[in-house]
Amino acid sequence: QVQLVESGGGLVQAGGSLRLSCAASGSIFSIGAMGWFRQAPGKQRELVAAITSGGSTNYADSVKGRFTISRDNAKNTVYLQMNSLKPEDTAVYYCNAAVVAGPISPGADYWGKGTLVTVSS
């Protein structure tokens, strides 16, 4: 089994910063792309940022220039540094990863249970 566990969420004032972490554990042979999604109240889940195994990144337009995604492959961990936070960033943030559990196992998409980020005005 593979698990993704997010941490680092919390309450922060507008303009502040938070750093989210997501650690993958379990039967991991390799990890491809990893990403962060978020779902705000009354909204659909959206991609915030993604990073490939080689380090290429993509960001939602709404967070570009403010958020930075990174990963530590040795730790099977992906991070999301969030700066200049806005109230509209308030959401549950979910970690996502494409994980190959074994040398003969197909890849699969895994999700964390989410961490709540609340940005007050």
Protein backbone atom coordinates (compact mmCIF):
# COMPACT_ATOMS: atom_id res chain seq x y z
CA GLN A 1 0.00 0.00 0.00
CA VAL A 2 1.00 3.58 -0.64
CA GLN A 3 0.05 6.49 1.53
CA LEU A 4 0.46 10.20 1.05
CA VAL A 5 0.34 12.35 4.16
CA GLU A 6 0.13 16.11 3.97
CA SER A 7 1.22 18.49 6.68
CA GLY A 8 1.78 22.18 7.18
CA GLY A 9 -1.69 23.55 6.77
CA GLY A 10 -3.15 26.02 9.19
CA LEU A 11 -4.46 29.50 9.70
CA VAL A 12 -2.50 32.42 8.35
CA GLN A 13 -3.21 36.07 7.72
CA ALA A 14 -3.34 37.48 4.22
CA GLY A 15 0.15 38.19 3.00
CA GLY A 16 1.64 35.44 5.11
CA SER A 17 3.32 32.22 4.15
CA LEU A 18 2.92 28.52 4.71
CA ARG A 19 4.91 25.53 3.60
CA LEU A 20 3.05 22.32 2.88
CA SER A 21 4.74 18.96 2.85
CA CYS A 22 3.57 15.63 1.52
CA ALA A 23 5.45 12.46 2.25
CA ALA A 24 4.79 9.26 0.37
CA SER A 25 5.34 5.98 2.14
CA GLY A 26 4.68 2.31 1.64
CA SER A 27 5.41 0.16 -1.36
CA ILE A 28 7.19 2.63 -3.58
CA PHE A 29 9.35 1.60 -6.45
CA SER A 30 9.33 4.95 -8.17
CA ILE A 31 7.34 8.15 -8.25
CA GLY A 32 6.56 10.09 -11.35
CA ALA A 33 4.83 13.42 -11.29
CA MET A 34 3.65 14.88 -8.02
CA GLY A 35 1.31 17.74 -7.49
CA TRP A 36 -0.87 19.80 -5.26
CA PHE A 37 -4.56 20.31 -5.78
CA ARG A 38 -6.97 22.34 -3.74
CA GLN A 39 -10.68 22.51 -3.23
CA ALA A 40 -12.24 25.64 -1.84
CA PRO A 41 -15.71 25.68 -0.31
CA GLY A 42 -18.30 25.48 -3.06
CA LYS A 43 -15.65 25.04 -5.74
CA GLN A 44 -14.32 22.16 -7.77
CA ARG A 45 -10.92 20.70 -7.09
CA GLU A 46 -8.24 22.41 -9.13
CA LEU A 47 -4.59 21.86 -9.88
CA VAL A 48 -2.37 24.26 -7.99
CA ALA A 49 1.07 23.06 -8.98
CA ALA A 50 2.74 19.98 -10.37
CA ILE A 51 6.30 18.79 -10.67
CA THR A 52 7.71 15.99 -12.77
CA SER A 53 10.32 13.53 -11.62
CA GLY A 54 12.84 15.62 -13.51
CA GLY A 55 11.86 18.84 -11.81
CA SER A 56 9.75 20.55 -14.46
CA THR A 57 6.92 22.54 -12.91
CA ASN A 58 3.49 23.85 -13.78
CA TYR A 59 1.41 26.32 -11.81
CA ALA A 60 -2.10 27.56 -11.89
CA ASP A 61 -2.23 31.13 -13.10
CA SER A 62 -3.75 32.18 -9.80
CA VAL A 63 -0.68 31.11 -7.82
CA LYS A 64 2.14 31.65 -10.27
CA GLY A 65 4.79 33.88 -8.78
CA ARG A 66 3.56 33.25 -5.25
CA PHE A 67 3.80 29.49 -4.82
CA THR A 68 6.75 27.22 -5.43
CA ILE A 69 6.58 23.46 -5.73
CA SER A 70 9.63 21.33 -5.08
CA ARG A 71 10.46 17.75 -4.27
CA ASP A 72 13.02 15.68 -2.48
CA ASN A 73 13.19 12.37 -4.28
CA ALA A 74 15.34 10.80 -1.58
CA LYS A 75 12.57 11.48 0.93
CA ASN A 76 9.66 10.81 -1.43
CA THR A 77 8.37 14.19 -0.43
CA VAL A 78 6.86 17.09 -2.31
CA TYR A 79 6.59 20.60 -0.92
CA LEU A 80 4.52 23.64 -1.67
CA GLN A 81 5.89 26.95 -0.48
CA MET A 82 3.04 29.42 -0.40
CA ASN A 83 3.87 33.10 -0.10
CA SER A 84 1.75 36.23 -0.28
CA LEU A 85 -1.30 34.23 0.63
CA LYS A 86 -4.72 35.60 -0.19
CA PRO A 87 -8.11 34.78 1.29
CA GLU A 88 -9.05 33.12 -1.98
CA ASP A 89 -6.27 30.60 -1.36
CA THR A 90 -8.36 29.17 1.46
CA ALA A 91 -9.00 25.54 0.63
CA VAL A 92 -8.22 21.98 1.49
CA TYR A 93 -4.96 21.18 -0.22
CA TYR A 94 -4.44 17.65 -1.50
CA CYS A 95 -1.23 15.96 -2.45
CA ASN A 96 -1.20 13.78 -5.53
CA ALA A 97 1.44 11.43 -6.86
CA ALA A 98 1.86 8.91 -9.63
CA VAL A 99 3.40 5.93 -7.88
CA VAL A 100 4.79 2.68 -9.18
CA ALA A 101 4.63 0.27 -6.25
CA GLY A 102 6.93 -2.39 -7.63
CA PRO A 103 9.05 -3.35 -10.61
CA ILE A 104 6.18 -5.25 -12.25
CA SER A 105 3.34 -3.16 -10.90
CA PRO A 106 1.49 -0.65 -13.02
CA GLY A 107 1.54 2.95 -12.00
CA ALA A 108 -1.33 4.34 -10.02
CA ASP A 109 -2.56 7.71 -8.90
CA TYR A 110 -2.58 8.31 -5.16
CA TRP A 111 -4.09 11.07 -3.09
CA GLY A 112 -3.52 12.37 0.37
CA LYS A 113 -6.40 13.12 2.68
CA GLY A 114 -5.79 16.84 2.53
CA THR A 115 -4.64 19.62 4.79
CA LEU A 116 -6.69 22.73 5.44
CA VAL A 117 -5.26 26.13 4.65
CA THR A 118 -7.24 29.09 5.90
CA VAL A 119 -6.19 32.61 4.98
CA SER A 120 -7.85 35.37 6.92
CA SER A 121 -8.35 38.88 5.61
